[in-house]
Every structure is written in C-alpha cells, then in structure tokens.
C-alpha cells in the first residue's frame, strides 16, 4: 500500500492522502526482463488479497473478489511508449528505448473506475512468444 500518486488520484477519483494497492510484476525469459506489469487498485480496509493470487491473477480477477465480474467492463488501449528512468533501470534497457504499452482500465457498473494497469513490453521479445496478463 502506498499513497495515491497524481495519476492514480485522477483516474480513480481519490483524494490526496488516500491509499492504493500497487502490484508490480516483472516477466523474464532466459534471465532477462521482457515485460513489467503494474496494477493499481484503491485500497479498501478489509479487502481480501492473497499474495499467491496476486502473482497470477489478471486485474479483472483481482477486482472480481469484491465486485461481480459480470457488472464490470474493461477497456484496453495499446500504444507505443519510451522507457522512462524507472523503466530503464528496472527492465535493464537504455533510456528512451521503444516499448509496447498496454493500458487497461476496469469499470464498475456505475461507470466508476475500479482499477487500472499498465504493461510495458520490449517489442522484440514478443516476436515469437505468448504471454498472458
């Protein structure tokens, strides 16, 4: 749990000082990072989260623990991006390297954003691979 940053506050409609749950995972092939995935959920006291489930579950599966999966919708956007300082350091790639960015937002039935995620992929690492997020 961390304090919600500016982006999380705007997307999740949170107030300054509210907490979010940040789940960050790295995916490896042959000992090299090929993707970095992060999901951000608003923290709610008593929300059941199991560490083992977080390692494998998709954003929709995590959110289904508190909402009906049938009452939620997902929007996915795929675009090009460049590696920031953080991504460069954690993915062991040069600064401003081209990346494939998959952004996901999950909405509740009322239209409120229930959570969001970003997956950064090194494009040439996925020419012959399949990865499930």
N, C-alpha and C. Protein backbone atom coordinates (compact mmCIF):
# COMPACT_ATOMS: atom_id res chain seq x y z
N UNK A 1 0.84 -1.17 0.00
CA UNK A 1 0.00 0.00 0.00
C UNK A 1 0.88 1.24 0.00
N UNK A 2 0.48 2.18 -0.83
CA UNK A 2 1.21 3.43 -0.93
C UNK A 2 0.21 4.58 -1.06
N UNK A 3 0.62 5.80 -0.76
CA UNK A 3 -0.26 6.93 -1.02
C UNK A 3 -0.50 7.06 -2.52
N UNK A 4 -1.72 7.38 -2.91
CA UNK A 4 -2.07 7.52 -4.32
C UNK A 4 -1.31 8.68 -4.94
N UNK A 5 -0.65 8.42 -6.06
CA UNK A 5 0.03 9.47 -6.81
C UNK A 5 -0.97 10.28 -7.62
N UNK A 6 -0.46 11.28 -8.30
CA UNK A 6 -1.32 12.17 -9.07
C UNK A 6 -2.16 11.42 -10.12
N UNK A 7 -1.51 10.51 -10.86
CA UNK A 7 -2.23 9.76 -11.90
C UNK A 7 -3.32 8.88 -11.28
N UNK A 8 -3.00 8.17 -10.21
CA UNK A 8 -3.98 7.30 -9.56
C UNK A 8 -5.14 8.10 -8.99
N UNK A 9 -4.85 9.25 -8.40
CA UNK A 9 -5.93 10.09 -7.85
C UNK A 9 -6.87 10.55 -8.95
N UNK A 10 -6.31 10.93 -10.11
CA UNK A 10 -7.14 11.41 -11.21
C UNK A 10 -7.99 10.28 -11.80
N UNK A 11 -7.39 9.13 -12.04
CA UNK A 11 -8.11 8.03 -12.67
C UNK A 11 -9.14 7.40 -11.72
N UNK A 12 -8.76 7.23 -10.47
CA UNK A 12 -9.63 6.55 -9.50
C UNK A 12 -10.49 7.51 -8.69
N UNK A 13 -10.37 8.82 -8.96
CA UNK A 13 -11.15 9.85 -8.26
C UNK A 13 -10.93 9.78 -6.75
N UNK A 14 -9.67 9.78 -6.35
CA UNK A 14 -9.31 9.70 -4.94
C UNK A 14 -8.85 11.06 -4.44
N UNK A 15 -8.93 11.23 -3.14
CA UNK A 15 -8.45 12.46 -2.52
C UNK A 15 -6.99 12.28 -2.13
N UNK A 16 -6.30 13.41 -1.99
CA UNK A 16 -4.91 13.37 -1.57
C UNK A 16 -4.81 12.68 -0.22
N UNK A 17 -3.83 11.77 -0.11
CA UNK A 17 -3.63 11.05 1.13
C UNK A 17 -4.29 9.68 1.17
N UNK A 18 -5.21 9.41 0.22
CA UNK A 18 -5.82 8.08 0.19
C UNK A 18 -4.80 7.07 -0.32
N UNK A 19 -4.97 5.84 0.12
CA UNK A 19 -4.03 4.77 -0.23
C UNK A 19 -4.50 3.95 -1.42
N UNK A 20 -3.53 3.39 -2.14
CA UNK A 20 -3.81 2.45 -3.21
C UNK A 20 -2.94 1.22 -3.01
N UNK A 21 -3.34 0.15 -3.64
CA UNK A 21 -2.54 -1.07 -3.65
C UNK A 21 -1.82 -1.10 -4.99
N UNK A 22 -0.49 -1.16 -4.94
CA UNK A 22 0.32 -1.24 -6.16
C UNK A 22 0.86 -2.65 -6.26
N UNK A 23 0.57 -3.30 -7.38
CA UNK A 23 1.07 -4.65 -7.65
C UNK A 23 1.99 -4.52 -8.86
N UNK A 24 3.24 -4.85 -8.67
CA UNK A 24 4.21 -4.72 -9.77
C UNK A 24 4.87 -6.08 -9.98
N UNK A 25 4.88 -6.53 -11.23
CA UNK A 25 5.47 -7.83 -11.56
C UNK A 25 6.39 -7.68 -12.77
N UNK A 26 7.49 -8.41 -12.73
CA UNK A 26 8.40 -8.47 -13.88
C UNK A 26 8.29 -9.86 -14.48
N UNK A 27 8.32 -9.92 -15.80
CA UNK A 27 8.28 -11.19 -16.52
C UNK A 27 9.64 -11.39 -17.17
N UNK A 28 10.17 -12.60 -17.05
CA UNK A 28 11.51 -12.91 -17.51
C UNK A 28 11.50 -14.01 -18.57
N UNK A 29 12.46 -13.96 -19.46
CA UNK A 29 12.76 -15.06 -20.37
C UNK A 29 14.27 -15.16 -20.46
N UNK A 30 14.80 -16.34 -20.23
CA UNK A 30 16.25 -16.57 -20.26
C UNK A 30 17.00 -15.61 -19.33
N UNK A 31 16.41 -15.32 -18.19
CA UNK A 31 17.06 -14.47 -17.21
C UNK A 31 16.99 -12.98 -17.48
N UNK A 32 16.30 -12.57 -18.54
CA UNK A 32 16.19 -11.14 -18.87
C UNK A 32 14.74 -10.68 -18.73
N UNK A 33 14.58 -9.45 -18.24
CA UNK A 33 13.23 -8.88 -18.12
C UNK A 33 12.71 -8.59 -19.52
N UNK A 34 11.51 -9.10 -19.82
CA UNK A 34 10.90 -8.85 -21.13
C UNK A 34 9.63 -8.00 -21.00
N UNK A 35 9.11 -7.90 -19.76
CA UNK A 35 7.91 -7.09 -19.54
C UNK A 35 7.82 -6.69 -18.08
N UNK A 36 7.21 -5.54 -17.85
CA UNK A 36 6.95 -5.07 -16.49
C UNK A 36 5.47 -4.71 -16.44
N UNK A 37 4.79 -5.23 -15.46
CA UNK A 37 3.35 -5.07 -15.34
C UNK A 37 3.04 -4.42 -14.00
N UNK A 38 2.16 -3.43 -14.00
CA UNK A 38 1.74 -2.84 -12.73
C UNK A 38 0.24 -2.61 -12.74
N UNK A 39 -0.36 -2.87 -11.59
CA UNK A 39 -1.78 -2.68 -11.42
C UNK A 39 -2.00 -1.82 -10.18
N UNK A 40 -2.98 -0.93 -10.26
CA UNK A 40 -3.26 -0.04 -9.14
C UNK A 40 -4.75 -0.13 -8.81
N UNK A 41 -5.02 -0.41 -7.55
CA UNK A 41 -6.39 -0.55 -7.05
C UNK A 41 -6.58 0.38 -5.87
N UNK A 42 -7.76 0.94 -5.70
CA UNK A 42 -7.98 1.74 -4.50
C UNK A 42 -7.97 0.82 -3.28
N UNK A 43 -7.31 1.25 -2.22
CA UNK A 43 -7.27 0.45 -1.00
C UNK A 43 -8.58 0.59 -0.27
N UNK A 44 -9.13 -0.55 0.15
CA UNK A 44 -10.32 -0.55 0.99
C UNK A 44 -10.04 -1.46 2.17
N UNK A 45 -10.22 -0.95 3.34
CA UNK A 45 -9.96 -1.73 4.55
C UNK A 45 -10.79 -3.03 4.52
N UNK A 46 -10.09 -4.13 4.78
CA UNK A 46 -10.77 -5.41 4.80
C UNK A 46 -10.86 -6.10 3.45
N UNK A 47 -10.32 -5.48 2.40
CA UNK A 47 -10.36 -6.10 1.08
C UNK A 47 -9.45 -7.33 1.08
N UNK A 48 -10.01 -8.52 0.82
CA UNK A 48 -9.18 -9.72 0.88
C UNK A 48 -8.25 -9.84 -0.33
N UNK A 49 -6.97 -9.89 -0.07
CA UNK A 49 -5.98 -10.08 -1.13
C UNK A 49 -5.01 -11.14 -0.67
N UNK A 50 -4.84 -12.14 -1.48
CA UNK A 50 -3.89 -13.21 -1.18
C UNK A 50 -2.66 -13.02 -2.04
N UNK A 51 -1.49 -13.03 -1.42
CA UNK A 51 -0.24 -12.81 -2.15
C UNK A 51 -0.08 -13.78 -3.31
N UNK A 52 -0.44 -15.03 -3.10
CA UNK A 52 -0.30 -16.04 -4.16
C UNK A 52 -1.20 -15.68 -5.34
N UNK A 53 -2.43 -15.24 -5.07
CA UNK A 53 -3.36 -14.88 -6.13
C UNK A 53 -2.84 -13.69 -6.92
N UNK A 54 -2.21 -12.74 -6.24
CA UNK A 54 -1.74 -11.53 -6.91
C UNK A 54 -0.66 -11.84 -7.94
N UNK A 55 0.12 -12.88 -7.72
CA UNK A 55 1.20 -13.20 -8.63
C UNK A 55 0.68 -13.70 -9.98
N UNK A 56 -0.53 -14.25 -10.00
CA UNK A 56 -1.03 -14.88 -11.22
C UNK A 56 -2.29 -14.24 -11.79
N UNK A 57 -3.04 -13.52 -10.99
CA UNK A 57 -4.35 -13.04 -11.38
C UNK A 57 -4.29 -11.80 -12.29
N UNK A 58 -5.28 -11.72 -13.17
CA UNK A 58 -5.42 -10.52 -14.00
C UNK A 58 -6.12 -9.45 -13.16
N UNK A 59 -6.13 -8.23 -13.65
CA UNK A 59 -6.77 -7.12 -12.94
C UNK A 59 -8.24 -7.43 -12.71
N UNK A 60 -8.92 -7.94 -13.72
CA UNK A 60 -10.35 -8.27 -13.58
C UNK A 60 -10.57 -9.34 -12.53
N UNK A 61 -9.70 -10.34 -12.48
CA UNK A 61 -9.84 -11.41 -11.49
C UNK A 61 -9.64 -10.88 -10.07
N UNK A 62 -8.70 -9.98 -9.89
CA UNK A 62 -8.47 -9.40 -8.57
C UNK A 62 -9.69 -8.60 -8.13
N UNK A 63 -10.22 -7.78 -9.04
CA UNK A 63 -11.36 -6.94 -8.71
C UNK A 63 -12.64 -7.74 -8.53
N UNK A 64 -12.74 -8.91 -9.13
CA UNK A 64 -13.93 -9.75 -9.01
C UNK A 64 -14.13 -10.25 -7.58
N UNK A 65 -13.08 -10.14 -6.75
CA UNK A 65 -13.21 -10.55 -5.34
C UNK A 65 -14.20 -9.67 -4.60
N UNK A 66 -14.36 -8.42 -5.05
CA UNK A 66 -15.28 -7.51 -4.35
C UNK A 66 -16.46 -7.07 -5.22
N UNK A 67 -16.40 -7.34 -6.52
CA UNK A 67 -17.47 -6.97 -7.43
C UNK A 67 -17.81 -8.17 -8.31
N UNK A 68 -19.01 -8.18 -8.82
CA UNK A 68 -19.36 -9.22 -9.79
C UNK A 68 -18.62 -8.95 -11.09
N UNK A 69 -17.94 -9.95 -11.62
CA UNK A 69 -17.19 -9.77 -12.86
C UNK A 69 -18.13 -9.41 -14.01
N UNK A 70 -19.41 -9.80 -13.88
CA UNK A 70 -20.38 -9.51 -14.93
C UNK A 70 -20.85 -8.05 -14.89
N UNK A 71 -20.60 -7.37 -13.78
CA UNK A 71 -21.01 -5.97 -13.64
C UNK A 71 -19.86 -5.03 -14.00
N UNK A 72 -18.75 -5.58 -14.47
CA UNK A 72 -17.59 -4.75 -14.81
C UNK A 72 -17.33 -4.79 -16.32
N UNK A 73 -16.74 -3.71 -16.80
CA UNK A 73 -16.30 -3.67 -18.19
C UNK A 73 -14.82 -3.32 -18.21
N UNK A 74 -14.13 -3.75 -19.26
CA UNK A 74 -12.70 -3.48 -19.41
C UNK A 74 -12.48 -2.68 -20.68
N UNK A 75 -11.54 -1.76 -20.59
CA UNK A 75 -11.09 -1.03 -21.78
C UNK A 75 -9.58 -1.19 -21.86
N UNK A 76 -9.13 -1.58 -23.03
CA UNK A 76 -7.70 -1.78 -23.24
C UNK A 76 -7.24 -0.88 -24.36
N UNK A 77 -6.11 -0.24 -24.14
CA UNK A 77 -5.50 0.65 -25.15
C UNK A 77 -4.06 0.19 -25.35
N UNK A 78 -3.66 0.04 -26.59
CA UNK A 78 -2.30 -0.39 -26.92
C UNK A 78 -1.64 0.72 -27.71
N UNK A 79 -0.44 1.08 -27.28
CA UNK A 79 0.27 2.16 -27.96
C UNK A 79 1.78 2.02 -27.76
N UNK A 80 2.52 2.81 -28.48
CA UNK A 80 3.98 2.84 -28.33
C UNK A 80 4.34 3.79 -27.20
N UNK A 81 5.46 3.51 -26.55
CA UNK A 81 5.94 4.35 -25.46
C UNK A 81 7.47 4.29 -25.46
N UNK A 82 8.06 5.16 -24.65
CA UNK A 82 9.52 5.16 -24.49
C UNK A 82 9.86 4.89 -23.03
N UNK A 83 10.94 4.18 -22.80
CA UNK A 83 11.35 3.83 -21.45
C UNK A 83 11.74 5.06 -20.64
N UNK A 84 11.10 5.23 -19.50
CA UNK A 84 11.44 6.30 -18.55
C UNK A 84 12.67 5.87 -17.76
N UNK A 85 13.14 6.74 -16.87
CA UNK A 85 14.26 6.38 -15.99
C UNK A 85 13.92 5.12 -15.19
N UNK A 86 12.73 5.09 -14.62
CA UNK A 86 12.31 3.94 -13.82
C UNK A 86 12.29 2.66 -14.64
N UNK A 87 11.68 2.72 -15.82
CA UNK A 87 11.59 1.51 -16.66
C UNK A 87 12.96 1.10 -17.16
N UNK A 88 13.78 2.05 -17.52
CA UNK A 88 15.13 1.76 -18.00
C UNK A 88 15.92 1.00 -16.93
N UNK A 89 15.84 1.47 -15.70
CA UNK A 89 16.58 0.85 -14.60
C UNK A 89 16.03 -0.54 -14.28
N UNK A 90 14.72 -0.69 -14.22
CA UNK A 90 14.12 -1.95 -13.79
C UNK A 90 13.99 -3.00 -14.89
N UNK A 91 14.02 -2.56 -16.13
CA UNK A 91 13.96 -3.51 -17.24
C UNK A 91 15.34 -3.75 -17.85
N UNK A 92 16.34 -3.02 -17.34
CA UNK A 92 17.73 -3.15 -17.81
C UNK A 92 17.85 -2.88 -19.31
N UNK A 93 17.27 -1.73 -19.72
CA UNK A 93 17.31 -1.31 -21.12
C UNK A 93 17.73 0.15 -21.18
N UNK A 94 18.22 0.61 -22.33
CA UNK A 94 18.62 2.02 -22.44
C UNK A 94 17.42 2.96 -22.26
N UNK A 95 17.69 4.12 -21.68
CA UNK A 95 16.70 5.17 -21.53
C UNK A 95 16.08 5.49 -22.89
N UNK A 96 14.78 5.68 -22.92
CA UNK A 96 14.01 6.02 -24.11
C UNK A 96 13.97 4.90 -25.16
N UNK A 97 14.24 3.67 -24.72
CA UNK A 97 14.07 2.53 -25.63
C UNK A 97 12.59 2.40 -25.98
N UNK A 98 12.27 1.98 -27.19
CA UNK A 98 10.86 1.82 -27.57
C UNK A 98 10.24 0.64 -26.82
N UNK A 99 9.01 0.85 -26.36
CA UNK A 99 8.27 -0.18 -25.64
C UNK A 99 6.84 -0.24 -26.18
N UNK A 100 6.24 -1.39 -26.04
CA UNK A 100 4.82 -1.54 -26.31
C UNK A 100 4.11 -1.38 -24.97
N UNK A 101 3.14 -0.48 -24.91
CA UNK A 101 2.42 -0.20 -23.67
C UNK A 101 0.97 -0.65 -23.82
N UNK A 102 0.54 -1.52 -22.93
CA UNK A 102 -0.86 -1.96 -22.90
C UNK A 102 -1.47 -1.39 -21.62
N UNK A 103 -2.44 -0.51 -21.79
CA UNK A 103 -3.11 0.11 -20.65
C UNK A 103 -4.50 -0.51 -20.50
N UNK A 104 -4.85 -0.85 -19.28
CA UNK A 104 -6.15 -1.47 -19.01
C UNK A 104 -6.85 -0.70 -17.91
N UNK A 105 -8.13 -0.47 -18.11
CA UNK A 105 -8.97 0.11 -17.06
C UNK A 105 -10.18 -0.79 -16.88
N UNK A 106 -10.54 -1.00 -15.65
CA UNK A 106 -11.72 -1.81 -15.33
C UNK A 106 -12.73 -0.88 -14.67
N UNK A 107 -13.95 -0.90 -15.20
CA UNK A 107 -15.01 -0.02 -14.72
C UNK A 107 -16.10 -0.84 -14.04
N UNK A 108 -16.64 -0.29 -12.97
CA UNK A 108 -17.79 -0.89 -12.30
C UNK A 108 -19.04 -0.56 -13.10
N UNK A 109 -20.15 -1.18 -12.76
CA UNK A 109 -21.41 -0.98 -13.49
C UNK A 109 -21.83 0.49 -13.50
N UNK A 110 -21.51 1.22 -12.43
CA UNK A 110 -21.90 2.63 -12.34
C UNK A 110 -21.01 3.54 -13.17
N UNK A 111 -19.98 2.97 -13.80
CA UNK A 111 -19.06 3.76 -14.61
C UNK A 111 -17.82 4.22 -13.87
N UNK A 112 -17.74 3.95 -12.55
CA UNK A 112 -16.55 4.33 -11.78
C UNK A 112 -15.39 3.41 -12.13
N UNK A 113 -14.19 3.97 -12.14
CA UNK A 113 -13.00 3.15 -12.39
C UNK A 113 -12.69 2.34 -11.14
N UNK A 114 -12.65 1.00 -11.31
CA UNK A 114 -12.39 0.10 -10.19
C UNK A 114 -10.90 -0.15 -10.01
N UNK A 115 -10.13 0.03 -11.08
CA UNK A 115 -8.68 -0.20 -11.04
C UNK A 115 -8.10 -0.01 -12.42
N UNK A 116 -6.78 0.11 -12.49
CA UNK A 116 -6.14 0.25 -13.79
C UNK A 116 -4.76 -0.38 -13.76
N UNK A 117 -4.28 -0.68 -14.94
CA UNK A 117 -2.98 -1.32 -15.04
C UNK A 117 -2.24 -0.91 -16.29
N UNK A 118 -0.94 -1.10 -16.26
CA UNK A 118 -0.08 -0.83 -17.40
C UNK A 118 0.91 -1.98 -17.54
N UNK A 119 1.09 -2.44 -18.75
CA UNK A 119 2.09 -3.47 -19.04
C UNK A 119 3.04 -2.92 -20.08
N UNK A 120 4.32 -2.90 -19.75
CA UNK A 120 5.36 -2.41 -20.65
C UNK A 120 6.10 -3.63 -21.20
N UNK A 121 6.14 -3.76 -22.51
CA UNK A 121 6.76 -4.92 -23.13
C UNK A 121 7.88 -4.48 -24.06
N UNK A 122 8.97 -5.22 -24.07
CA UNK A 122 10.05 -4.99 -25.03
C UNK A 122 9.60 -5.66 -26.32
N UNK A 123 9.31 -4.89 -27.38
CA UNK A 123 8.68 -5.45 -28.58
C UNK A 123 9.39 -6.66 -29.19
N UNK A 124 10.70 -6.59 -29.34
CA UNK A 124 11.40 -7.70 -30.00
C UNK A 124 11.38 -8.99 -29.17
N UNK A 125 11.04 -8.89 -27.90
CA UNK A 125 10.96 -10.08 -27.04
C UNK A 125 9.69 -10.88 -27.29
N UNK A 126 8.74 -10.29 -28.01
CA UNK A 126 7.45 -10.95 -28.19
C UNK A 126 7.18 -11.32 -29.65
N UNK A 127 8.20 -11.34 -30.46
CA UNK A 127 8.00 -11.73 -31.84
C UNK A 127 7.60 -13.20 -31.96
N UNK A 128 8.05 -14.03 -31.02
CA UNK A 128 7.76 -15.46 -31.09
C UNK A 128 7.20 -15.99 -29.77
N UNK A 129 6.66 -15.13 -28.92
CA UNK A 129 6.24 -15.59 -27.59
C UNK A 129 4.78 -15.22 -27.34
N UNK A 130 4.17 -15.96 -26.45
CA UNK A 130 2.83 -15.66 -25.98
C UNK A 130 2.89 -15.44 -24.48
N UNK A 131 2.27 -14.35 -24.03
CA UNK A 131 2.26 -14.04 -22.61
C UNK A 131 0.84 -13.69 -22.24
N UNK A 132 0.35 -14.17 -21.12
CA UNK A 132 -0.97 -13.86 -20.63
C UNK A 132 -0.86 -12.92 -19.45
N UNK A 133 -1.62 -11.82 -19.50
CA UNK A 133 -1.62 -10.85 -18.39
C UNK A 133 -2.91 -10.94 -17.65
